[in-house]
Amino acid sequence: MIERRLTRERGMSLAEKLGSVSWSFVALLGLMAAVGYAMLYSAAGGNPEPWAFRHGLRFGFGVLMMLAIAMVDIRIILRLAWPLYLLGVGLLVLVALHGEVGKGAQRWLDLGGFQLQPSELMKILLVIALARWFHRASLERVGNPLFLVPPLIATAIPVALVLKQPNLGNALITLMVAGAVFFAAGVRWWKFALVIGAVAIAAPIVYESLHDYQRQRILTFLDPESDPLGAGYHVIQSKIALGAGGMFGRGFLQGTQSQLNFLPEKQTDFIFTMLAEEFGFVGAASVLALNLLVVLYGLAMALACRHQFGRLVAAGITVNFFLYVFVNIAMVMGMIPVGGVPLPLISHGGSAMITVLIGFGVLMSVHVHRAVEIEGEQGEA
């Protein structure tokens, strides 16, 4: 149900909105994209084609889109929350019916040369919808189990559709992002404990229902050496490259694992490994520090917002970005099974980059409109 009453205070002019944009945050994103350009240039053996040049173009387009979204009044985004959610679900259904198939998975829509992965966009739209549901809901109402049924169903639908593709990694990240919004809204920790317990009990059943390649990833994670030339090859080569970098690295364009093509998927999933080989621990730690700054910026924007809707949206989008980074880094270090999750703004991949920047556009809209007042009934959804 659409918010009935919005404040009638004077709207901000375009100049005022542009002045309220966190340009230091935009510059930070630009610095991360520049790192990505350099690494993709290196991945191609010192050539801007086929990855680095397109990476730069996509980032430029994505930043313009991010700033355009930042200018949209956050109250408009609130009113469109559920229609946007339904759009995301519709795209996932369209993928299931007519999606492009690649590497055994049906995850993409071909939009005239641009491959859109709706599961990436769905995480942002789910955050907005859940924030809409919990907007202005009292802790007493949040504590009512019946009040949690609709948002749980709203979470389960996209998770199930993403699992069907199949895309276990993205489904788990979607579930965790939703969990972050639930937690930020005031859902008690013991309810999460119950869910985790139920998942643990169901784990053997879920394992048996996995595809063969997914079970093989888990077994390889537990023992990569069991198949060093097959399923374990990616992780083994990644660890070799990480260790070869040492403290300061082998130098730009000098990484043997990457330049001699021992390192698989070096332009996408394993780009952090290539960076660590060429720039060592210092370079890897610097990139991690940049990602940490992005997360801190996002949390600061959430805390500075005066309305619950904006706080929940900012928290969910920030957690989504954090999970991208955490899963990718943990994956290439062999801490979790390989799951095909890119490193935001650094890895090659237009769908992931554009989606991340759309999310940051919504985050920036929260920041620009952090002082607006949104009126409505308690818990109205």
Protein backbone atom coordinates (compact mmCIF):
# COMPACT_ATOMS: atom_id res chain seq x y z
CA MET A 1 0.00 0.00 0.00
CA ILE A 2 1.45 3.37 -1.04
CA GLU A 3 2.51 5.84 1.66
CA ARG A 4 -0.53 8.09 2.27
CA ARG A 5 1.13 11.16 3.57
CA LEU A 6 4.44 12.72 2.55
CA THR A 7 5.80 15.92 3.91
CA ARG A 8 5.02 19.04 1.90
CA GLU A 9 8.25 20.79 2.75
CA ARG A 10 10.04 22.64 -0.03
CA GLY A 11 11.77 20.22 -2.35
CA MET A 12 15.51 20.47 -2.86
CA SER A 13 16.71 22.04 -6.08
CA LEU A 14 18.97 20.09 -8.42
CA ALA A 15 21.92 22.27 -7.41
CA GLU A 16 21.26 21.57 -3.74
CA LYS A 17 21.07 17.85 -4.40
CA LEU A 18 24.32 17.86 -6.35
CA GLY A 19 25.93 19.78 -3.51
CA SER A 20 24.73 17.14 -1.06
CA VAL A 21 26.33 14.28 -2.99
CA SER A 22 29.32 12.73 -1.22
CA TRP A 23 31.87 13.45 -3.91
CA SER A 24 34.62 11.89 -1.83
CA PHE A 25 32.66 8.64 -1.99
CA VAL A 26 32.35 9.00 -5.78
CA ALA A 27 36.12 9.61 -5.99
CA LEU A 28 36.73 6.48 -3.90
CA LEU A 29 34.66 4.42 -6.32
CA GLY A 30 36.61 5.96 -9.20
CA LEU A 31 39.89 4.94 -7.57
CA MET A 32 38.67 1.36 -7.22
CA ALA A 33 37.56 1.30 -10.86
CA ALA A 34 41.02 2.61 -11.86
CA VAL A 35 42.61 -0.31 -10.01
CA GLY A 36 40.28 -2.60 -11.93
CA TYR A 37 41.28 -0.98 -15.24
CA ALA A 38 44.97 -1.49 -14.46
CA MET A 39 44.49 -5.14 -13.52
CA LEU A 40 42.35 -5.88 -16.58
CA TYR A 41 45.00 -4.16 -18.72
CA SER A 42 47.55 -6.50 -17.16
CA ALA A 43 45.30 -9.55 -17.56
CA ALA A 44 45.28 -8.91 -21.32
CA GLY A 45 49.09 -8.80 -21.38
CA GLY A 46 49.34 -5.01 -21.49
CA ASN A 47 46.41 -4.30 -23.78
CA PRO A 48 43.22 -2.30 -23.08
CA GLU A 49 41.28 -4.83 -25.16
CA PRO A 50 39.24 -6.88 -24.62
CA TRP A 51 38.50 -6.04 -20.97
CA ALA A 52 40.01 -2.80 -19.63
CA PHE A 53 38.54 -0.39 -22.19
CA ARG A 54 35.02 -1.80 -21.77
CA HIS A 55 35.49 -1.69 -18.00
CA GLY A 56 36.19 2.05 -18.19
CA LEU A 57 33.19 2.70 -20.45
CA ARG A 58 30.85 0.74 -18.18
CA PHE A 59 32.08 2.57 -15.12
CA GLY A 60 31.54 5.95 -16.77
CA PHE A 61 28.00 5.00 -17.78
CA GLY A 62 27.37 3.48 -14.36
CA VAL A 63 28.48 6.62 -12.52
CA LEU A 64 26.11 8.76 -14.59
CA MET A 65 23.31 6.33 -13.75
CA MET A 66 24.31 6.38 -10.07
CA LEU A 67 24.18 10.19 -9.94
CA ALA A 68 20.84 10.24 -11.77
CA ILE A 69 19.36 7.84 -9.20
CA ALA A 70 20.85 9.94 -6.41
CA MET A 71 18.76 12.88 -7.61
CA VAL A 72 15.51 10.88 -7.23
CA ASP A 73 13.64 11.74 -4.04
CA ILE A 74 13.94 8.83 -1.63
CA ARG A 75 10.19 9.06 -1.02
CA ILE A 76 9.57 8.20 -4.66
CA ILE A 77 11.79 5.14 -4.29
CA LEU A 78 9.78 4.21 -1.18
CA ARG A 79 6.50 4.43 -3.08
CA LEU A 80 7.89 2.31 -5.93
CA ALA A 81 9.39 -0.34 -3.63
CA TRP A 82 6.89 -3.13 -4.28
CA PRO A 83 6.45 -2.44 -8.03
CA LEU A 84 10.24 -2.59 -8.36
CA TYR A 85 10.29 -5.85 -6.40
CA LEU A 86 7.68 -7.34 -8.75
CA LEU A 87 9.76 -6.17 -11.72
CA GLY A 88 12.78 -8.01 -10.31
CA VAL A 89 10.78 -11.20 -9.76
CA GLY A 90 9.39 -10.90 -13.29
CA LEU A 91 12.92 -10.68 -14.69
CA LEU A 92 13.92 -13.81 -12.76
CA VAL A 93 10.90 -15.65 -14.16
CA LEU A 94 11.87 -14.42 -17.64
CA VAL A 95 15.36 -15.84 -17.09
CA ALA A 96 13.86 -19.20 -16.15
CA LEU A 97 11.80 -19.19 -19.36
CA HIS A 98 14.05 -17.54 -21.94
CA GLY A 99 17.42 -16.85 -20.27
CA GLU A 100 20.79 -17.28 -21.95
CA VAL A 101 22.63 -20.47 -20.95
CA GLY A 102 26.33 -20.37 -20.12
CA LYS A 103 28.59 -22.85 -18.33
CA GLY A 104 25.62 -25.03 -17.49
CA ALA A 105 23.58 -22.24 -15.87
CA GLN A 106 20.66 -20.15 -17.11
CA ARG A 107 21.29 -16.78 -15.46
CA TRP A 108 21.38 -14.04 -18.08
CA LEU A 109 19.08 -12.00 -20.30
CA ASP A 110 20.46 -10.75 -23.61
CA LEU A 111 19.51 -7.08 -23.95
CA GLY A 112 20.90 -6.23 -27.34
CA GLY A 113 24.51 -7.12 -26.64
CA PHE A 114 24.41 -6.42 -22.89
CA GLN A 115 24.14 -9.48 -20.67
CA LEU A 116 21.94 -8.66 -17.67
CA GLN A 117 22.00 -10.98 -14.67
CA PRO A 118 18.70 -10.20 -12.88
CA SER A 119 19.77 -12.05 -9.72
CA GLU A 120 22.30 -9.26 -9.10
CA LEU A 121 19.67 -6.53 -9.46
CA MET A 122 17.14 -8.49 -7.40
CA LYS A 123 19.25 -8.11 -4.26
CA ILE A 124 18.95 -4.33 -4.43
CA LEU A 125 15.22 -4.44 -5.17
CA LEU A 126 14.65 -6.90 -2.33
CA VAL A 127 16.44 -4.57 0.11
CA ILE A 128 14.19 -1.68 -0.94
CA ALA A 129 11.03 -3.81 -0.60
CA LEU A 130 11.99 -5.15 2.84
CA ALA A 131 12.89 -1.65 4.02
CA ARG A 132 9.45 -0.54 2.83
CA TRP A 133 7.79 -3.29 4.85
CA PHE A 134 9.68 -2.54 8.06
CA HIS A 135 9.46 1.24 7.66
CA ARG A 136 8.20 2.77 10.90
CA ALA A 137 7.22 -0.64 12.31
CA SER A 138 7.50 -0.66 16.10
CA LEU A 139 9.74 -3.19 17.84
CA GLU A 140 6.61 -4.76 19.29
CA ARG A 141 5.18 -5.33 15.83
CA VAL A 142 8.50 -6.59 14.48
CA GLY A 143 8.51 -9.09 17.34
CA ASN A 144 5.20 -10.55 16.16
CA PRO A 145 5.95 -13.73 14.13
CA LEU A 146 2.93 -13.16 11.89
CA PHE A 147 4.28 -9.74 10.88
CA LEU A 148 7.43 -11.48 9.59
CA VAL A 149 5.60 -13.94 7.32
CA PRO A 150 5.13 -11.58 4.29
CA PRO A 151 8.78 -10.41 4.20
CA LEU A 152 9.93 -14.02 4.61
CA ILE A 153 7.81 -15.03 1.62
CA ALA A 154 9.11 -12.01 -0.30
CA THR A 155 12.65 -13.25 0.40
CA ALA A 156 11.96 -16.90 -0.36
CA ILE A 157 10.56 -16.24 -3.84
CA PRO A 158 13.71 -14.70 -5.41
CA VAL A 159 15.98 -17.07 -3.49
CA ALA A 160 14.10 -20.06 -4.93
CA LEU A 161 14.21 -18.62 -8.45
CA VAL A 162 17.96 -17.97 -8.20
CA LEU A 163 18.55 -21.50 -6.88
CA LYS A 164 16.72 -22.85 -9.91
CA GLN A 165 19.17 -21.21 -12.34
CA PRO A 166 21.26 -22.76 -10.56
CA ASN A 167 23.24 -20.12 -8.65
CA LEU A 168 23.84 -21.27 -5.09
CA GLY A 169 26.33 -18.50 -4.26
CA ASN A 170 24.03 -15.66 -5.29
CA ALA A 171 21.06 -17.30 -3.57
CA LEU A 172 22.99 -17.47 -0.28
CA ILE A 173 24.13 -13.85 -0.62
CA THR A 174 20.54 -12.77 -1.31
CA LEU A 175 19.44 -14.61 1.81
CA MET A 176 22.16 -13.00 3.94
CA VAL A 177 21.41 -9.49 2.61
CA ALA A 178 17.75 -9.99 3.51
CA GLY A 179 18.82 -11.23 6.93
CA ALA A 180 20.81 -8.03 7.44
CA VAL A 181 17.70 -5.92 6.78
CA PHE A 182 15.67 -8.10 9.18
CA PHE A 183 18.35 -7.65 11.85
CA ALA A 184 18.61 -3.88 11.30
CA ALA A 185 14.82 -3.65 11.58
CA GLY A 186 14.95 -5.14 15.08
CA VAL A 187 14.29 -8.86 14.61
CA ARG A 188 15.73 -10.63 17.67
CA TRP A 189 18.89 -12.69 17.36
CA TRP A 190 17.31 -15.89 18.70
CA LYS A 191 15.01 -16.03 15.68
CA PHE A 192 18.08 -16.05 13.46
CA ALA A 193 19.47 -18.85 15.63
CA LEU A 194 16.33 -20.88 14.97
CA VAL A 195 16.68 -20.36 11.22
CA ILE A 196 20.37 -21.30 11.28
CA GLY A 197 19.52 -24.42 13.28
CA ALA A 198 16.85 -25.39 10.75
CA VAL A 199 19.33 -24.86 7.90
CA ALA A 200 21.89 -27.06 9.67
CA ILE A 201 19.32 -29.83 10.07
CA ALA A 202 18.30 -29.55 6.42
CA ALA A 203 21.91 -29.37 5.15
CA PRO A 204 22.23 -33.11 4.30
CA ILE A 205 18.98 -32.98 2.31
CA VAL A 206 20.10 -29.83 0.50
CA TYR A 207 23.49 -31.39 -0.26
CA GLU A 208 21.83 -34.38 -1.95
CA SER A 209 19.73 -32.04 -4.08
CA LEU A 210 22.75 -30.09 -5.35
CA HIS A 211 24.04 -30.48 -8.88
CA ASP A 212 27.10 -32.67 -9.34
CA TYR A 213 29.40 -29.71 -10.01
CA GLN A 214 28.18 -27.97 -6.83
CA ARG A 215 28.90 -31.04 -4.69
CA GLN A 216 32.29 -31.30 -6.38
CA ARG A 217 33.08 -27.69 -5.40
CA ILE A 218 32.36 -28.48 -1.76
CA LEU A 219 34.50 -31.64 -1.83
CA THR A 220 37.29 -29.73 -3.57
CA PHE A 221 37.10 -27.00 -0.95
CA LEU A 222 37.63 -29.62 1.76
CA ASP A 223 40.51 -31.25 -0.12
CA PRO A 224 41.80 -29.33 -3.19
CA GLU A 225 44.68 -31.76 -3.66
CA SER A 226 42.26 -34.61 -4.35
CA ASP A 227 41.87 -33.37 -7.95
CA PRO A 228 44.78 -31.00 -8.67
CA LEU A 229 44.28 -30.97 -12.44
CA GLY A 230 40.48 -30.84 -12.34
CA ALA A 231 38.13 -29.30 -9.79
CA GLY A 232 40.97 -28.33 -7.45
CA TYR A 233 43.05 -26.60 -10.12
CA HIS A 234 41.58 -23.11 -9.63
CA VAL A 235 42.19 -22.95 -5.89
CA ILE A 236 45.67 -24.50 -6.06
CA GLN A 237 46.86 -22.05 -8.73
CA SER A 238 45.28 -19.18 -6.82
CA LYS A 239 47.17 -20.07 -3.64
CA ILE A 240 50.44 -20.36 -5.60
CA ALA A 241 49.93 -16.88 -7.05
CA LEU A 242 49.03 -15.40 -3.65
CA GLY A 243 52.20 -16.80 -2.12
CA ALA A 244 54.38 -15.79 -5.07
CA GLY A 245 53.59 -12.11 -4.59
CA GLY A 246 55.41 -11.85 -1.27
CA MET A 247 55.46 -8.47 0.43
CA PHE A 248 55.77 -6.14 -2.59
CA GLY A 249 54.88 -8.37 -5.53
CA ARG A 250 56.60 -9.32 -8.78
CA GLY A 251 55.72 -6.03 -10.45
CA PHE A 252 53.09 -4.75 -12.86
CA LEU A 253 52.71 -7.12 -15.86
CA GLN A 254 55.30 -9.44 -14.27
CA GLY A 255 53.11 -12.02 -12.57
CA THR A 256 54.11 -15.44 -13.88
CA GLN A 257 50.96 -17.26 -12.79
CA SER A 258 48.72 -14.77 -14.55
CA GLN A 259 50.84 -13.79 -17.56
CA LEU A 260 51.60 -17.42 -18.40
CA ASN A 261 47.90 -18.26 -18.01
CA PHE A 262 48.27 -20.72 -15.15
CA LEU A 263 45.73 -18.67 -13.22
CA PRO A 264 42.18 -19.34 -14.49
CA GLU A 265 39.46 -16.68 -14.76
CA LYS A 266 42.06 -14.03 -13.93
CA GLN A 267 39.92 -11.21 -15.34
CA THR A 268 36.84 -12.10 -13.28
CA ASP A 269 36.69 -14.29 -10.17
CA PHE A 270 40.45 -14.47 -9.52
CA ILE A 271 41.49 -10.90 -10.30
CA PHE A 272 42.41 -10.29 -6.64
CA THR A 273 44.88 -13.16 -6.86
CA MET A 274 46.54 -11.59 -9.90
CA LEU A 275 46.71 -8.26 -8.06
CA ALA A 276 48.33 -9.92 -5.04
CA GLU A 277 50.93 -11.62 -7.24
CA GLU A 278 51.89 -8.41 -9.02
CA PHE A 279 51.71 -6.00 -6.05
CA GLY A 280 52.18 -8.33 -3.10
CA PHE A 281 50.75 -8.08 0.38
CA VAL A 282 51.03 -4.28 0.33
CA GLY A 283 48.94 -3.97 -2.84
CA ALA A 284 46.36 -6.53 -1.69
CA ALA A 285 46.03 -4.84 1.71
CA SER A 286 45.61 -1.45 0.03
CA VAL A 287 42.72 -2.73 -2.08
CA LEU A 288 41.12 -4.28 0.98
CA ALA A 289 41.47 -0.92 2.72
CA LEU A 290 39.66 0.79 -0.18
CA ASN A 291 36.81 -1.70 0.11
CA LEU A 292 36.68 -1.18 3.87
CA LEU A 293 36.37 2.58 3.31
CA VAL A 294 33.39 1.98 1.00
CA VAL A 295 31.71 -0.12 3.70
CA LEU A 296 32.40 2.53 6.36
CA TYR A 297 31.00 5.25 4.10
CA GLY A 298 27.84 3.19 3.63
CA LEU A 299 27.40 2.59 7.36
CA ALA A 300 28.00 6.28 8.07
CA MET A 301 25.29 7.22 5.56
CA ALA A 302 22.91 4.78 7.23
CA LEU A 303 23.58 6.23 10.69
CA ALA A 304 23.23 9.83 9.46
CA CYS A 305 19.80 9.22 7.93
CA ARG A 306 16.84 10.48 9.98
CA HIS A 307 14.23 8.08 8.63
CA GLN A 308 14.00 4.32 9.14
CA PHE A 309 13.43 3.53 5.48
CA GLY A 310 16.70 5.18 4.46
CA ARG A 311 18.63 3.56 7.30
CA LEU A 312 17.44 0.09 6.34
CA VAL A 313 18.11 0.63 2.63
CA ALA A 314 21.61 1.99 3.28
CA ALA A 315 22.42 -0.88 5.65
CA GLY A 316 21.19 -3.52 3.20
CA ILE A 317 23.08 -2.10 0.22
CA THR A 318 26.26 -1.77 2.27
CA VAL A 319 26.01 -5.37 3.49
CA ASN A 320 25.44 -6.51 -0.09
CA PHE A 321 28.67 -4.82 -1.17
CA PHE A 322 30.54 -6.24 1.83
CA LEU A 323 29.37 -9.78 0.98
CA TYR A 324 30.57 -9.39 -2.62
CA VAL A 325 34.04 -8.54 -1.35
CA PHE A 326 34.13 -11.08 1.48
CA VAL A 327 32.95 -14.00 -0.65
CA ASN A 328 35.34 -13.20 -3.51
CA ILE A 329 38.40 -12.81 -1.27
CA ALA A 330 37.55 -15.87 0.84
CA MET A 331 36.95 -17.87 -2.34
CA VAL A 332 40.32 -17.14 -3.95
CA MET A 333 42.09 -17.85 -0.65
CA GLY A 334 40.44 -21.26 -0.42
CA MET A 335 38.45 -20.39 2.71
CA ILE A 336 35.09 -21.16 1.06
CA PRO A 337 34.10 -23.10 -2.08
CA VAL A 338 34.53 -21.38 -5.44
CA GLY A 339 31.22 -19.70 -6.24
CA GLY A 340 31.72 -17.35 -9.18
CA VAL A 341 31.31 -14.05 -7.29
CA PRO A 342 33.21 -11.06 -8.81
CA LEU A 343 35.15 -8.39 -6.94
CA PRO A 344 33.02 -5.22 -7.31
CA LEU A 345 34.35 -2.44 -9.58
CA ILE A 346 37.57 -4.38 -10.17
CA SER A 347 36.58 -7.63 -11.88
CA HIS A 348 35.44 -7.72 -15.48
CA GLY A 349 31.67 -8.01 -15.78
CA GLY A 350 29.18 -5.38 -16.83
CA SER A 351 26.11 -6.75 -15.07
CA ALA A 352 27.75 -6.86 -11.64
CA MET A 353 29.32 -3.40 -12.01
CA ILE A 354 26.13 -1.70 -13.21
CA THR A 355 24.11 -3.37 -10.47
CA VAL A 356 26.56 -2.30 -7.76
CA LEU A 357 26.48 1.28 -9.04
CA ILE A 358 22.67 1.24 -9.16
CA GLY A 359 22.75 0.18 -5.51
CA PHE A 360 25.16 2.97 -4.70
CA GLY A 361 22.85 5.38 -6.52
CA VAL A 362 20.05 4.41 -4.15
CA LEU A 363 22.50 4.70 -1.24
CA MET A 364 23.43 8.18 -2.43
CA SER A 365 19.74 9.12 -2.68
CA VAL A 366 19.42 8.12 0.97
CA HIS A 367 22.36 10.38 1.78
CA VAL A 368 21.13 13.33 -0.28
CA HIS A 369 17.62 13.08 1.20
CA ARG A 370 18.71 12.03 4.68
CA ALA A 371 16.91 14.93 6.37
CA VAL A 372 13.48 14.58 4.73
CA GLU A 373 10.55 13.56 6.86
CA ILE A 374 8.42 10.61 5.82
CA GLU A 375 5.09 10.29 7.54
CA GLY A 376 2.93 7.21 7.63
CA GLU A 377 1.14 4.77 9.85
CA GLN A 378 3.11 2.53 12.17
CA GLY A 379 4.18 -0.56 10.30
CA GLU A 380 2.18 0.33 7.18
CA ALA A 381 3.40 -1.75 4.28
